Amino acid sequence: MPNFSPALRGDGHGNYRIHLIGNSGMSSTLGAYLSTKLNLPHIPLDEIAWKPGWQRTQDAEFREKVRTLMAQDTRGWIVDGDYRALGTLVPDTATDIIWLDPPLRRYLPRLLWRTFMRLLGLRSSCAEGCVDTWEEVFSSQGIVWFCVTNHGTARTKYAAWLTRMNVAAGGKMARLDESRGELARWKDDLETHLQQM
């Protein structure tokens, strides 16, 4: 059973630069939770990467916007997501990397439910002005297809990161599998850590 104490390393001076990663759409809830608990800005990359009408932000503009947001609070930030266009900008400067890695059988129903709620207009889209449509969502360009086909690729990529940066070996990265109760235990450790601060 993994030991997540302390839940966050930080920089040793009470500052936290947290990078949340996983398959698409998995980390926004945890990002909002951490933002509230730590009083740090939450930076969801999807909101920056997409312009109205599902137009992608140009890579140079995207990187500059993310750099600017990361520099706004000297106490740190919570970056939610991982885009190839950013290179290693976020993980290299993070004090903590949290990999949310539930099995697809647990993750996919949540994705489908969230997508369905967006299609009905009961939940906001991932970026302003980006409207989900039935035709797009379930196409080969849509979020459902991307998440299913990207699941194995993301796991391979982040498993390689974990090999280099595992917190159990003194690194800064932790893997959380919610199906094993690891996310709940990690949150408990975080609550204990915050009470002791």
Protein backbone atom coordinates (compact mmCIF):
# COMPACT_ATOMS: atom_id res chain seq x y z
CA MET A 1 0.00 0.00 0.00
CA PRO A 2 1.56 3.34 -1.06
CA ASN A 3 2.53 5.83 1.60
CA PHE A 4 1.52 9.37 0.66
CA SER A 5 2.82 11.16 3.73
CA PRO A 6 3.50 13.97 3.26
CA ALA A 7 0.88 14.33 0.55
CA LEU A 8 2.77 17.28 -0.96
CA ARG A 9 6.48 18.09 -0.88
CA GLY A 10 6.42 21.75 -1.83
CA ASP A 11 9.69 23.65 -1.97
CA GLY A 12 10.40 23.44 1.76
CA HIS A 13 9.30 27.06 2.28
CA GLY A 14 5.52 26.63 2.18
CA ASN A 15 5.21 27.09 -1.59
CA TYR A 16 3.57 24.54 -3.88
CA ARG A 17 3.77 24.24 -7.64
CA ILE A 18 1.51 21.30 -8.42
CA HIS A 19 1.11 19.62 -11.80
CA LEU A 20 -1.96 17.38 -12.17
CA ILE A 21 -1.78 14.87 -15.01
CA GLY A 22 -3.73 11.92 -16.37
CA ASN A 23 -5.98 11.10 -19.28
CA SER A 24 -8.04 13.99 -20.61
CA GLY A 25 -10.55 15.60 -18.27
CA MET A 26 -9.54 13.74 -15.13
CA SER A 27 -7.90 16.37 -12.99
CA SER A 28 -10.20 19.41 -12.99
CA THR A 29 -12.10 18.36 -9.85
CA LEU A 30 -8.90 17.73 -7.91
CA GLY A 31 -7.47 21.00 -9.20
CA ALA A 32 -10.43 22.97 -7.86
CA TYR A 33 -10.22 21.10 -4.53
CA LEU A 34 -6.51 21.87 -4.12
CA SER A 35 -7.01 25.48 -5.13
CA THR A 36 -9.50 25.89 -2.28
CA LYS A 37 -7.40 24.02 0.27
CA LEU A 38 -4.11 25.76 -0.53
CA ASN A 39 -5.49 29.13 -1.66
CA LEU A 40 -3.50 28.88 -4.88
CA PRO A 41 -4.51 29.74 -8.44
CA HIS A 42 -5.91 26.84 -10.46
CA ILE A 43 -4.73 26.90 -14.08
CA PRO A 44 -6.81 24.52 -16.24
CA LEU A 45 -4.84 24.20 -19.49
CA ASP A 46 -7.91 23.32 -21.55
CA GLU A 47 -9.30 26.82 -20.95
CA ILE A 48 -6.12 28.35 -22.38
CA ALA A 49 -5.54 25.88 -25.20
CA TRP A 50 -8.95 26.36 -26.81
CA LYS A 51 -10.51 29.49 -28.24
CA PRO A 52 -14.22 29.85 -29.12
CA GLY A 53 -15.36 27.48 -31.83
CA TRP A 54 -12.76 24.86 -30.81
CA GLN A 55 -9.92 26.82 -32.39
CA ARG A 56 -6.52 25.89 -30.94
CA THR A 57 -4.38 28.65 -29.46
CA GLN A 58 -1.09 28.96 -31.34
CA ASP A 59 1.76 27.20 -29.53
CA ALA A 60 3.85 30.32 -28.85
CA GLU A 61 0.83 32.22 -27.50
CA PHE A 62 -0.20 29.21 -25.43
CA ARG A 63 3.24 28.90 -23.81
CA GLU A 64 3.39 32.62 -23.05
CA LYS A 65 -0.07 32.64 -21.44
CA VAL A 66 0.82 29.65 -19.26
CA ARG A 67 4.16 31.21 -18.22
CA THR A 68 2.37 34.44 -17.28
CA LEU A 69 -0.23 32.65 -15.18
CA MET A 70 2.42 30.54 -13.44
CA ALA A 71 4.32 33.70 -12.48
CA GLN A 72 1.35 35.55 -10.97
CA ASP A 73 1.54 34.11 -7.44
CA THR A 74 4.93 33.60 -5.81
CA ARG A 75 3.39 31.01 -3.44
CA GLY A 76 2.77 28.67 -6.36
CA TRP A 77 0.07 27.30 -8.64
CA ILE A 78 -1.93 24.23 -9.62
CA VAL A 79 -1.66 23.41 -13.31
CA ASP A 80 -4.29 20.98 -14.51
CA GLY A 81 -3.41 19.09 -17.71
CA ASP A 82 -0.53 18.32 -20.01
CA TYR A 83 -0.04 19.59 -23.56
CA ARG A 84 2.80 18.64 -25.88
CA ALA A 85 3.13 22.29 -26.97
CA LEU A 86 4.38 23.22 -23.48
CA GLY A 87 7.25 20.76 -23.55
CA THR A 88 8.65 20.30 -20.04
CA LEU A 89 7.78 23.82 -18.84
CA VAL A 90 5.31 22.66 -16.19
CA PRO A 91 6.79 19.37 -14.90
CA ASP A 92 10.32 20.81 -14.72
CA THR A 93 9.20 23.70 -12.49
CA ALA A 94 6.68 21.74 -10.41
CA THR A 95 7.43 20.80 -6.82
CA ASP A 96 4.80 18.05 -6.98
CA ILE A 97 3.37 16.00 -9.83
CA ILE A 98 0.16 14.05 -9.17
CA TRP A 99 -0.78 11.38 -11.72
CA LEU A 100 -4.45 10.39 -11.55
CA ASP A 101 -4.51 6.89 -13.00
CA PRO A 102 -7.82 5.06 -12.55
CA PRO A 103 -8.54 2.06 -14.80
CA LEU A 104 -10.47 2.87 -17.97
CA ARG A 105 -13.51 0.90 -16.74
CA ARG A 106 -13.86 3.40 -13.88
CA TYR A 107 -12.90 6.50 -15.82
CA LEU A 108 -14.96 5.99 -19.00
CA PRO A 109 -18.44 6.05 -17.37
CA ARG A 110 -17.57 9.36 -15.68
CA LEU A 111 -16.36 10.80 -18.96
CA LEU A 112 -19.56 9.71 -20.74
CA TRP A 113 -21.73 11.19 -17.97
CA ARG A 114 -19.86 14.50 -17.98
CA THR A 115 -20.07 14.65 -21.78
CA PHE A 116 -23.79 13.88 -21.71
CA MET A 117 -24.36 16.69 -19.18
CA ARG A 118 -22.47 19.11 -21.41
CA LEU A 119 -24.51 18.09 -24.44
CA LEU A 120 -27.68 18.86 -22.49
CA GLY A 121 -26.28 22.23 -21.43
CA LEU A 122 -26.28 21.22 -17.75
CA ARG A 123 -22.52 21.52 -17.40
CA SER A 124 -20.16 24.05 -18.93
CA SER A 125 -17.71 23.12 -21.65
CA CYS A 126 -13.99 22.83 -20.99
CA ALA A 127 -13.38 26.27 -22.54
CA GLU A 128 -15.43 29.38 -23.13
CA GLY A 129 -17.19 29.44 -26.49
CA CYS A 130 -16.52 25.76 -27.20
CA VAL A 131 -19.91 24.10 -27.56
CA ASP A 132 -20.13 20.31 -27.52
CA THR A 133 -22.33 18.76 -30.22
CA TRP A 134 -23.54 15.18 -30.58
CA GLU A 135 -21.88 14.87 -33.97
CA GLU A 136 -18.49 16.11 -32.78
CA VAL A 137 -18.40 14.38 -29.40
CA PHE A 138 -18.84 10.89 -30.79
CA SER A 139 -16.73 11.36 -33.92
CA SER A 140 -13.14 10.21 -34.36
CA GLN A 141 -12.13 13.81 -33.49
CA GLY A 142 -14.23 13.93 -30.33
CA ILE A 143 -13.35 13.73 -26.67
CA VAL A 144 -14.71 10.22 -26.11
CA TRP A 145 -12.68 8.65 -28.92
CA PHE A 146 -9.59 10.61 -27.88
CA CYS A 147 -9.78 9.52 -24.26
CA VAL A 148 -10.32 5.85 -25.10
CA THR A 149 -7.51 5.71 -27.65
CA ASN A 150 -5.17 7.90 -25.59
CA HIS A 151 -5.56 5.95 -22.35
CA GLY A 152 -2.74 3.48 -23.02
CA THR A 153 -0.48 6.15 -24.50
CA ALA A 154 -0.91 8.40 -21.46
CA ARG A 155 -0.22 5.53 -19.06
CA THR A 156 2.97 4.59 -20.90
CA LYS A 157 4.19 8.19 -20.89
CA TYR A 158 3.47 8.85 -17.23
CA ALA A 159 4.81 5.46 -16.12
CA ALA A 160 8.13 6.53 -17.65
CA TRP A 161 7.94 9.81 -15.73
CA LEU A 162 7.19 7.89 -12.54
CA THR A 163 10.26 5.72 -13.02
CA ARG A 164 12.41 8.86 -12.96
CA MET A 165 10.54 10.92 -10.36
CA ASN A 166 8.71 8.57 -7.98
CA VAL A 167 8.11 10.23 -4.63
CA ALA A 168 8.79 6.89 -2.94
CA ALA A 169 12.38 7.19 -4.17
CA GLY A 170 12.78 10.83 -3.17
CA GLY A 171 11.25 12.30 -6.31
CA LYS A 172 8.28 14.59 -6.75
CA MET A 173 5.69 12.41 -8.51
CA ALA A 174 2.92 10.27 -7.01
CA ARG A 175 0.52 7.95 -8.84
CA LEU A 176 -3.04 7.73 -7.50
CA ASP A 177 -5.41 4.92 -8.51
CA GLU A 178 -8.82 5.88 -7.15
CA SER A 179 -10.13 2.35 -7.64
CA ARG A 180 -7.72 1.23 -4.90
CA GLY A 181 -8.71 4.03 -2.57
CA GLU A 182 -5.41 5.83 -3.10
CA LEU A 183 -6.95 9.23 -3.89
CA ALA A 184 -9.01 9.16 -0.69
CA ARG A 185 -5.96 8.19 1.40
CA TRP A 186 -3.92 10.90 -0.29
CA LYS A 187 -6.56 13.51 0.56
CA ASP A 188 -6.59 12.31 4.17
CA ASP A 189 -2.80 12.74 4.30
CA LEU A 190 -3.17 16.21 2.79
CA GLU A 191 -5.76 17.22 5.40
CA THR A 192 -3.42 16.03 8.16
CA HIS A 193 -0.51 17.89 6.61
CA LEU A 194 -2.51 21.12 6.37
CA GLN A 195 -3.64 20.86 10.01
CA GLN A 196 0.00 20.61 11.08
CA MET A 197 1.09 23.68 9.12
